[in-house]
Amino acid sequence: EVVRWIEVPQEGQEEPDTPAPVLKLSAAEDDAHGAS
């Protein structure tokens, strides 16, 4: 059996039956060189 988790969730809509994994990105951190 094969399950395809490929449906892209849309904001403001119900989650699809087979949603794709989504990685949320946070705000950029201070540059290491800047800290140095």
PDB file of all heavy atoms in Angstrom:
ATOM      1  N   GLU A   1       0.839  -1.189   0.000  1.00  0.00           N
ATOM      2  CA  GLU A   1       0.000   0.000   0.000  1.00  0.00           C
ATOM      3  C   GLU A   1       0.881   1.249   0.000  1.00  0.00           C
ATOM      4  O   GLU A   1       1.912   1.302   0.690  1.00  0.00           O
ATOM      5  CB  GLU A   1      -0.915   0.015   1.222  1.00  0.00           C
ATOM      6  CG  GLU A   1      -1.814   1.246   1.296  1.00  0.00           C
ATOM      7  CD  GLU A   1      -2.611   1.317   2.590  1.00  0.00           C
ATOM      8  OE1 GLU A   1      -2.453   0.410   3.430  1.00  0.00           O
ATOM      9  OE2 GLU A   1      -3.371   2.293   2.755  1.00  0.00           O
ATOM     10  N   VAL A   2       0.481   2.257  -0.752  1.00  0.00           N
ATOM     11  CA  VAL A   2       1.238   3.502  -0.866  1.00  0.00           C
ATOM     12  C   VAL A   2       0.337   4.677  -0.493  1.00  0.00           C
ATOM     13  O   VAL A   2      -0.777   4.796  -1.009  1.00  0.00           O
ATOM     14  CB  VAL A   2       1.792   3.694  -2.291  1.00  0.00           C
ATOM     15  CG1 VAL A   2       2.494   5.056  -2.407  1.00  0.00           C
ATOM     16  CG2 VAL A   2       2.751   2.576  -2.653  1.00  0.00           C
ATOM     17  N   VAL A   3       0.826   5.511   0.413  1.00  0.00           N
ATOM     18  CA  VAL A   3       0.096   6.722   0.805  1.00  0.00           C
ATOM     19  C   VAL A   3       0.936   7.932   0.409  1.00  0.00           C
ATOM     20  O   VAL A   3       2.101   8.043   0.807  1.00  0.00           O
ATOM     21  CB  VAL A   3      -0.195   6.745   2.317  1.00  0.00           C
ATOM     22  CG1 VAL A   3      -0.984   7.997   2.675  1.00  0.00           C
ATOM     23  CG2 VAL A   3      -0.962   5.497   2.739  1.00  0.00           C
ATOM     24  N   ARG A   4       0.341   8.824  -0.347  1.00  0.00           N
ATOM     25  CA  ARG A   4       1.061  10.000  -0.842  1.00  0.00           C
ATOM     26  C   ARG A   4       0.671  11.230  -0.005  1.00  0.00           C
ATOM     27  O   ARG A   4      -0.444  11.740  -0.127  1.00  0.00           O
ATOM     28  CB  ARG A   4       0.742  10.236  -2.326  1.00  0.00           C
ATOM     29  CG  ARG A   4       1.107   9.053  -3.208  1.00  0.00           C
ATOM     30  CD  ARG A   4       0.733   9.292  -4.663  1.00  0.00           C
ATOM     31  NE  ARG A   4       1.031   8.138  -5.480  1.00  0.00           N
ATOM     32  CZ  ARG A   4       2.235   7.880  -6.002  1.00  0.00           C
ATOM     33  NH1 ARG A   4       3.241   8.734  -5.810  1.00  0.00           N
ATOM     34  NH2 ARG A   4       2.427   6.800  -6.728  1.00  0.00           N
ATOM     35  N   TRP A   5       1.610  11.682   0.800  1.00  0.00           N
ATOM     36  CA  TRP A   5       1.390  12.873   1.621  1.00  0.00           C
ATOM     37  C   TRP A   5       1.884  14.077   0.830  1.00  0.00           C
ATOM     38  O   TRP A   5       2.993  14.582   1.049  1.00  0.00           O
ATOM     39  CB  TRP A   5       2.137  12.741   2.946  1.00  0.00           C
ATOM     40  CG  TRP A   5       1.785  11.490   3.704  1.00  0.00           C
ATOM     41  CD1 TRP A   5       2.484  10.319   3.750  1.00  0.00           C
ATOM     42  CD2 TRP A   5       0.627  11.301   4.533  1.00  0.00           C
ATOM     43  NE1 TRP A   5       1.838   9.408   4.549  1.00  0.00           N
ATOM     44  CE2 TRP A   5       0.692   9.983   5.042  1.00  0.00           C
ATOM     45  CE3 TRP A   5      -0.451  12.110   4.890  1.00  0.00           C
ATOM     46  CZ2 TRP A   5      -0.268   9.444   5.890  1.00  0.00           C
ATOM     47  CZ3 TRP A   5      -1.413  11.582   5.730  1.00  0.00           C
ATOM     48  CH2 TRP A   5      -1.318  10.277   6.223  1.00  0.00           C
ATOM     49  N   ILE A   6       1.049  14.548  -0.098  1.00  0.00           N
ATOM     50  CA  ILE A   6       1.504  15.555  -1.059  1.00  0.00           C
ATOM     51  C   ILE A   6       0.578  16.763  -1.169  1.00  0.00           C
ATOM     52  O   ILE A   6       0.880  17.700  -1.911  1.00  0.00           O
ATOM     53  CB  ILE A   6       1.682  14.930  -2.451  1.00  0.00           C
ATOM     54  CG1 ILE A   6       0.360  14.363  -2.959  1.00  0.00           C
ATOM     55  CG2 ILE A   6       2.757  13.845  -2.425  1.00  0.00           C
ATOM     56  CD1 ILE A   6       0.421  13.839  -4.391  1.00  0.00           C
ATOM     57  N   GLU A   7      -0.528  16.768  -0.437  1.00  0.00           N
ATOM     58  CA  GLU A   7      -1.452  17.906  -0.526  1.00  0.00           C
ATOM     59  C   GLU A   7      -0.931  19.058   0.332  1.00  0.00           C
ATOM     60  O   GLU A   7      -0.649  18.882   1.520  1.00  0.00           O
ATOM     61  CB  GLU A   7      -2.843  17.498  -0.068  1.00  0.00           C
ATOM     62  CG  GLU A   7      -3.503  16.443  -0.944  1.00  0.00           C
ATOM     63  CD  GLU A   7      -4.903  16.102  -0.462  1.00  0.00           C
ATOM     64  OE1 GLU A   7      -5.861  16.784  -0.869  1.00  0.00           O
ATOM     65  OE2 GLU A   7      -5.025  15.157   0.352  1.00  0.00           O
ATOM     66  N   VAL A   8      -0.823  20.230  -0.279  1.00  0.00           N
ATOM     67  CA  VAL A   8      -0.278  21.398   0.427  1.00  0.00           C
ATOM     68  C   VAL A   8      -1.393  22.076   1.221  1.00  0.00           C
ATOM     69  O   VAL A   8      -2.387  22.522   0.644  1.00  0.00           O
ATOM     70  CB  VAL A   8       0.345  22.395  -0.562  1.00  0.00           C
ATOM     71  CG1 VAL A   8       0.917  23.600   0.191  1.00  0.00           C
ATOM     72  CG2 VAL A   8       1.429  21.714  -1.393  1.00  0.00           C
ATOM     73  N   PRO A   9      -1.256  22.159   2.544  1.00  0.00           N
ATOM     74  CA  PRO A   9      -2.282  22.840   3.360  1.00  0.00           C
ATOM     75  C   PRO A   9      -2.366  24.317   2.991  1.00  0.00           C
ATOM     76  O   PRO A   9      -1.349  24.971   2.763  1.00  0.00           O
ATOM     77  CB  PRO A   9      -1.778  22.646   4.791  1.00  0.00           C
ATOM     78  CG  PRO A   9      -0.833  21.492   4.724  1.00  0.00           C
ATOM     79  CD  PRO A   9      -0.201  21.564   3.377  1.00  0.00           C
ATOM     80  N   GLN A  10      -3.596  24.827   2.936  1.00  0.00           N
ATOM     81  CA  GLN A  10      -3.820  26.229   2.615  1.00  0.00           C
ATOM     82  C   GLN A  10      -4.335  26.970   3.843  1.00  0.00           C
ATOM     83  O   GLN A  10      -5.182  26.459   4.577  1.00  0.00           O
ATOM     84  CB  GLN A  10      -4.838  26.358   1.479  1.00  0.00           C
ATOM     85  CG  GLN A  10      -4.427  25.654   0.185  1.00  0.00           C
ATOM     86  CD  GLN A  10      -3.169  26.235  -0.429  1.00  0.00           C
ATOM     87  OE1 GLN A  10      -2.918  27.440  -0.327  1.00  0.00           O
ATOM     88  NE2 GLN A  10      -2.364  25.386  -1.065  1.00  0.00           N
ATOM     89  N   GLU A  11      -3.775  28.161   4.067  1.00  0.00           N
ATOM     90  CA  GLU A  11      -4.175  28.950   5.230  1.00  0.00           C
ATOM     91  C   GLU A  11      -5.657  29.321   5.157  1.00  0.00           C
ATOM     92  O   GLU A  11      -6.166  29.731   4.110  1.00  0.00           O
ATOM     93  CB  GLU A  11      -3.323  30.220   5.315  1.00  0.00           C
ATOM     94  CG  GLU A  11      -3.536  31.013   6.594  1.00  0.00           C
ATOM     95  CD  GLU A  11      -2.603  32.203   6.678  1.00  0.00           C
ATOM     96  OE1 GLU A  11      -1.750  32.365   5.791  1.00  0.00           O
ATOM     97  OE2 GLU A  11      -2.743  32.976   7.649  1.00  0.00           O
ATOM     98  N   GLY A  12      -6.346  29.139   6.271  1.00  0.00           N
ATOM     99  CA  GLY A  12      -7.759  29.466   6.325  1.00  0.00           C
ATOM    100  C   GLY A  12      -8.672  28.353   5.857  1.00  0.00           C
ATOM    101  O   GLY A  12      -9.902  28.499   5.895  1.00  0.00           O
ATOM    102  N   GLN A  13      -8.073  27.220   5.429  1.00  0.00           N
ATOM    103  CA  GLN A  13      -8.875  26.094   4.967  1.00  0.00           C
ATOM    104  C   GLN A  13      -8.625  24.876   5.856  1.00  0.00           C
ATOM    105  O   GLN A  13      -7.620  24.810   6.570  1.00  0.00           O
ATOM    106  CB  GLN A  13      -8.547  25.751   3.512  1.00  0.00           C
ATOM    107  CG  GLN A  13      -8.853  26.867   2.530  1.00  0.00           C
ATOM    108  CD  GLN A  13      -8.569  26.461   1.099  1.00  0.00           C
ATOM    109  OE1 GLN A  13      -8.332  25.288   0.788  1.00  0.00           O
ATOM    110  NE2 GLN A  13      -8.605  27.448   0.202  1.00  0.00           N
ATOM    111  N   GLU A  14      -9.535  23.913   5.796  1.00  0.00           N
ATOM    112  CA  GLU A  14      -9.373  22.700   6.572  1.00  0.00           C
ATOM    113  C   GLU A  14      -8.167  21.904   6.072  1.00  0.00           C
ATOM    114  O   GLU A  14      -7.799  21.976   4.896  1.00  0.00           O
ATOM    115  CB  GLU A  14     -10.635  21.835   6.477  1.00  0.00           C
ATOM    116  CG  GLU A  14     -11.852  22.446   7.159  1.00  0.00           C
ATOM    117  CD  GLU A  14     -13.044  21.510   7.124  1.00  0.00           C
ATOM    118  OE1 GLU A  14     -12.903  20.393   6.577  1.00  0.00           O
ATOM    119  OE2 GLU A  14     -14.103  21.893   7.643  1.00  0.00           O
ATOM    120  N   GLU A  15      -7.575  21.164   6.983  1.00  0.00           N
ATOM    121  CA  GLU A  15      -6.417  20.359   6.611  1.00  0.00           C
ATOM    122  C   GLU A  15      -6.849  19.264   5.639  1.00  0.00           C
ATOM    123  O   GLU A  15      -7.855  18.590   5.856  1.00  0.00           O
ATOM    124  CB  GLU A  15      -5.791  19.733   7.856  1.00  0.00           C
ATOM    125  CG  GLU A  15      -4.516  18.972   7.566  1.00  0.00           C
ATOM    126  CD  GLU A  15      -3.890  18.396   8.822  1.00  0.00           C
ATOM    127  OE1 GLU A  15      -4.490  17.451   9.390  1.00  0.00           O
ATOM    128  OE2 GLU A  15      -2.829  18.881   9.248  1.00  0.00           O
ATOM    129  N   PRO A  16      -6.106  19.070   4.560  1.00  0.00           N
ATOM    130  CA  PRO A  16      -6.467  18.020   3.600  1.00  0.00           C
ATOM    131  C   PRO A  16      -6.300  16.625   4.197  1.00  0.00           C
ATOM    132  O   PRO A  16      -5.698  16.460   5.255  1.00  0.00           O
ATOM    133  CB  PRO A  16      -5.498  18.264   2.439  1.00  0.00           C
ATOM    134  CG  PRO A  16      -4.350  19.018   3.043  1.00  0.00           C
ATOM    135  CD  PRO A  16      -4.931  19.844   4.134  1.00  0.00           C
ATOM    136  N   ASP A  17      -6.818  15.645   3.498  1.00  0.00           N
ATOM    137  CA  ASP A  17      -6.762  14.272   3.995  1.00  0.00           C
ATOM    138  C   ASP A  17      -5.337  13.741   4.054  1.00  0.00           C
ATOM    139  O   ASP A  17      -4.981  12.990   4.968  1.00  0.00           O
ATOM    140  CB  ASP A  17      -7.614  13.361   3.101  1.00  0.00           C
ATOM    141  CG  ASP A  17      -9.096  13.685   3.197  1.00  0.00           C
ATOM    142  OD1 ASP A  17      -9.505  14.226   4.248  1.00  0.00           O
ATOM    143  OD2 ASP A  17      -9.828  13.417   2.229  1.00  0.00           O
ATOM    144  N   THR A  18      -4.531  14.103   3.087  1.00  0.00           N
ATOM    145  CA  THR A  18      -3.143  13.632   3.059  1.00  0.00           C
ATOM    146  C   THR A  18      -2.199  14.833   2.932  1.00  0.00           C
ATOM    147  O   THR A  18      -1.613  15.069   1.867  1.00  0.00           O
ATOM    148  CB  THR A  18      -2.921  12.658   1.877  1.00  0.00           C
ATOM    149  OG1 THR A  18      -3.353  13.297   0.657  1.00  0.00           O
ATOM    150  CG2 THR A  18      -3.694  11.369   2.086  1.00  0.00           C
ATOM    151  N   PRO A  19      -2.057  15.596   4.011  1.00  0.00           N
ATOM    152  CA  PRO A  19      -1.237  16.820   3.945  1.00  0.00           C
ATOM    153  C   PRO A  19       0.246  16.514   3.815  1.00  0.00           C
ATOM    154  O   PRO A  19       0.766  15.540   4.374  1.00  0.00           O
ATOM    155  CB  PRO A  19      -1.536  17.503   5.275  1.00  0.00           C
ATOM    156  CG  PRO A  19      -1.886  16.377   6.203  1.00  0.00           C
ATOM    157  CD  PRO A  19      -2.598  15.365   5.360  1.00  0.00           C
ATOM    158  N   ALA A  20       0.939  17.371   3.090  1.00  0.00           N
ATOM    159  CA  ALA A  20       2.386  17.252   2.962  1.00  0.00           C
ATOM    160  C   ALA A  20       3.058  17.836   4.203  1.00  0.00           C
ATOM    161  O   ALA A  20       2.528  18.758   4.825  1.00  0.00           O
ATOM    162  CB  ALA A  20       2.862  18.003   1.721  1.00  0.00           C
ATOM    163  N   PRO A  21       4.216  17.313   4.597  1.00  0.00           N
ATOM    164  CA  PRO A  21       4.953  17.898   5.717  1.00  0.00           C
ATOM    165  C   PRO A  21       5.376  19.333   5.391  1.00  0.00           C
ATOM    166  O   PRO A  21       5.911  19.591   4.304  1.00  0.00           O
ATOM    167  CB  PRO A  21       6.167  16.983   5.861  1.00  0.00           C
ATOM    168  CG  PRO A  21       5.768  15.695   5.216  1.00  0.00           C
ATOM    169  CD  PRO A  21       4.859  16.083   4.088  1.00  0.00           C
ATOM    170  N   VAL A  22       5.145  20.245   6.326  1.00  0.00           N
ATOM    171  CA  VAL A  22       5.478  21.661   6.130  1.00  0.00           C
ATOM    172  C   VAL A  22       6.387  22.121   7.263  1.00  0.00           C
ATOM    173  O   VAL A  22       6.054  21.951   8.438  1.00  0.00           O
ATOM    174  CB  VAL A  22       4.214  22.535   6.087  1.00  0.00           C
ATOM    175  CG1 VAL A  22       4.592  24.011   5.965  1.00  0.00           C
ATOM    176  CG2 VAL A  22       3.314  22.121   4.928  1.00  0.00           C
ATOM    177  N   LEU A  23       7.518  22.698   6.902  1.00  0.00           N
ATOM    178  CA  LEU A  23       8.465  23.231   7.889  1.00  0.00           C
ATOM    179  C   LEU A  23       8.298  24.743   7.971  1.00  0.00           C
ATOM    180  O   LEU A  23       8.543  25.459   6.998  1.00  0.00           O
ATOM    181  CB  LEU A  23       9.903  22.886   7.487  1.00  0.00           C
ATOM    182  CG  LEU A  23      11.007  23.455   8.384  1.00  0.00           C
ATOM    183  CD1 LEU A  23      10.944  22.841   9.780  1.00  0.00           C
ATOM    184  CD2 LEU A  23      12.381  23.230   7.760  1.00  0.00           C
ATOM    185  N   LYS A  24       7.900  25.238   9.134  1.00  0.00           N
ATOM    186  CA  LYS A  24       7.763  26.673   9.358  1.00  0.00           C
ATOM    187  C   LYS A  24       9.132  27.280   9.676  1.00  0.00           C
ATOM    188  O   LYS A  24       9.876  26.742  10.503  1.00  0.00           O
ATOM    189  CB  LYS A  24       6.796  26.945  10.504  1.00  0.00           C
ATOM    190  CG  LYS A  24       5.386  26.406  10.284  1.00  0.00           C
ATOM    191  CD  LYS A  24       4.663  27.141   9.168  1.00  0.00           C
ATOM    192  CE  LYS A  24       3.220  26.668   9.031  1.00  0.00           C
ATOM    193  NZ  LYS A  24       2.503  27.385   7.937  1.00  0.00           N
ATOM    194  N   LEU A  25       9.448  28.399   9.032  1.00  0.00           N
ATOM    195  CA  LEU A  25      10.725  29.067   9.243  1.00  0.00           C
ATOM    196  C   LEU A  25      10.552  30.260  10.171  1.00  0.00           C
ATOM    197  O   LEU A  25       9.599  31.033  10.028  1.00  0.00           O
ATOM    198  CB  LEU A  25      11.323  29.523   7.915  1.00  0.00           C
ATOM    199  CG  LEU A  25      11.527  28.438   6.857  1.00  0.00           C
ATOM    200  CD1 LEU A  25      12.162  29.045   5.607  1.00  0.00           C
ATOM    201  CD2 LEU A  25      12.390  27.301   7.394  1.00  0.00           C
ATOM    202  N   SER A  26      11.465  30.402  11.111  1.00  0.00           N
ATOM    203  CA  SER A  26      11.423  31.534  12.040  1.00  0.00           C
ATOM    204  C   SER A  26      12.248  32.688  11.499  1.00  0.00           C
ATOM    205  O   SER A  26      12.955  32.558  10.499  1.00  0.00           O
ATOM    206  CB  SER A  26      11.944  31.102  13.414  1.00  0.00           C
ATOM    207  OG  SER A  26      13.276  30.619  13.317  1.00  0.00           O
ATOM    208  N   ALA A  27      12.161  33.829  12.170  1.00  0.00           N
ATOM    209  CA  ALA A  27      12.907  35.013  11.741  1.00  0.00           C
ATOM    210  C   ALA A  27      14.399  34.755  11.785  1.00  0.00           C
ATOM    211  O   ALA A  27      14.889  33.953  12.588  1.00  0.00           O
ATOM    212  CB  ALA A  27      12.543  36.203  12.628  1.00  0.00           C
ATOM    213  N   ALA A  28      15.119  35.436  10.910  1.00  0.00           N
ATOM    214  CA  ALA A  28      16.569  35.261  10.836  1.00  0.00           C
ATOM    215  C   ALA A  28      17.219  35.671  12.141  1.00  0.00           C
ATOM    216  O   ALA A  28      16.841  36.650  12.770  1.00  0.00           O
ATOM    217  CB  ALA A  28      17.136  36.088   9.680  1.00  0.00           C
ATOM    218  N   GLU A  29      18.210  34.897  12.557  1.00  0.00           N
ATOM    219  CA  GLU A  29      18.946  35.192  13.780  1.00  0.00           C
ATOM    220  C   GLU A  29      20.111  36.111  13.459  1.00  0.00           C
ATOM    221  O   GLU A  29      20.504  36.264  12.302  1.00  0.00           O
ATOM    222  CB  GLU A  29      19.444  33.900  14.427  1.00  0.00           C
ATOM    223  CG  GLU A  29      18.316  32.971  14.873  1.00  0.00           C
ATOM    224  CD  GLU A  29      18.841  31.699  15.493  1.00  0.00           C
ATOM    225  OE1 GLU A  29      20.043  31.410  15.303  1.00  0.00           O
ATOM    226  OE2 GLU A  29      18.060  30.989  16.156  1.00  0.00           O
ATOM    227  N   ASP A  30      20.719  36.704  14.527  1.00  0.00           N
ATOM    228  CA  ASP A  30      21.875  37.581  14.339  1.00  0.00           C
ATOM    229  C   ASP A  30      23.005  36.791  13.717  1.00  0.00           C
ATOM    230  O   ASP A  30      23.255  35.649  14.069  1.00  0.00           O
ATOM    231  CB  ASP A  30      22.340  38.166  15.681  1.00  0.00           C
ATOM    232  CG  ASP A  30      21.312  39.140  16.237  1.00  0.00           C
ATOM    233  OD1 ASP A  30      20.527  39.680  15.439  1.00  0.00           O
ATOM    234  OD2 ASP A  30      21.291  39.338  17.466  1.00  0.00           O
ATOM    235  N   ASP A  31      23.715  37.475  12.789  1.00  0.00           N
ATOM    236  CA  ASP A  31      24.838  36.827  12.121  1.00  0.00           C
ATOM    237  C   ASP A  31      25.952  36.554  13.102  1.00  0.00           C
ATOM    238  O   ASP A  31      26.285  37.359  13.962  1.00  0.00           O
ATOM    239  CB  ASP A  31      25.362  37.737  10.998  1.00  0.00           C
ATOM    240  CG  ASP A  31      26.431  37.053  10.172  1.00  0.00           C
ATOM    241  OD1 ASP A  31      26.071  36.333   9.241  1.00  0.00           O
ATOM    242  OD2 ASP A  31      27.624  37.256  10.476  1.00  0.00           O
ATOM    243  N   ALA A  32      26.543  35.371  12.965  1.00  0.00           N
ATOM    244  CA  ALA A  32      27.608  34.985  13.898  1.00  0.00           C
ATOM    245  C   ALA A  32      28.793  35.928  13.796  1.00  0.00           C
ATOM    246  O   ALA A  32      29.437  36.263  14.775  1.00  0.00           O
ATOM    247  CB  ALA A  32      28.055  33.552  13.605  1.00  0.00           C
ATOM    248  N   HIS A  33      29.094  36.368  12.539  1.00  0.00           N
ATOM    249  CA  HIS A  33      30.222  37.279  12.377  1.00  0.00           C
ATOM    250  C   HIS A  33      29.928  38.611  13.058  1.00  0.00           C
ATOM    251  O   HIS A  33      30.808  39.239  13.642  1.00  0.00           O
ATOM    252  CB  HIS A  33      30.504  37.488  10.896  1.00  0.00           C
ATOM    253  CG  HIS A  33      30.932  36.236  10.193  1.00  0.00           C
ATOM    254  ND1 HIS A  33      32.147  35.639  10.426  1.00  0.00           N
ATOM    255  CD2 HIS A  33      30.291  35.451   9.289  1.00  0.00           C
ATOM    256  CE1 HIS A  33      32.259  34.559   9.671  1.00  0.00           C
ATOM    257  NE2 HIS A  33      31.136  34.413   8.985  1.00  0.00           N
ATOM    258  N   GLY A  34      28.673  39.032  12.989  1.00  0.00           N
ATOM    259  CA  GLY A  34      28.287  40.271  13.649  1.00  0.00           C
ATOM    260  C   GLY A  34      28.461  40.160  15.141  1.00  0.00           C
ATOM    261  O   GLY A  34      28.930  41.073  15.808  1.00  0.00           O
ATOM    262  N   ALA A  35      28.094  38.993  15.680  1.00  0.00           N
ATOM    263  CA  ALA A  35      28.258  38.788  17.115  1.00  0.00           C
ATOM    264  C   ALA A  35      29.728  38.819  17.481  1.00  0.00           C
ATOM    265  O   ALA A  35      30.142  39.385  18.487  1.00  0.00           O
ATOM    266  CB  ALA A  35      27.636  37.449  17.528  1.00  0.00           C
ATOM    267  N   SER A  36      30.572  38.222  16.619  1.00  0.00           N
ATOM    268  CA  SER A  36      31.999  38.228  16.895  1.00  0.00           C
ATOM    269  C   SER A  36      32.534  39.644  16.867  1.00  0.00           C
ATOM    270  O   SER A  36      33.390  40.027  17.656  1.00  0.00           O
ATOM    271  CB  SER A  36      32.735  37.369  15.861  1.00  0.00           C
ATOM    272  OG  SER A  36      32.280  36.036  15.926  1.00  0.00           O
TER     273      SER A  36
END
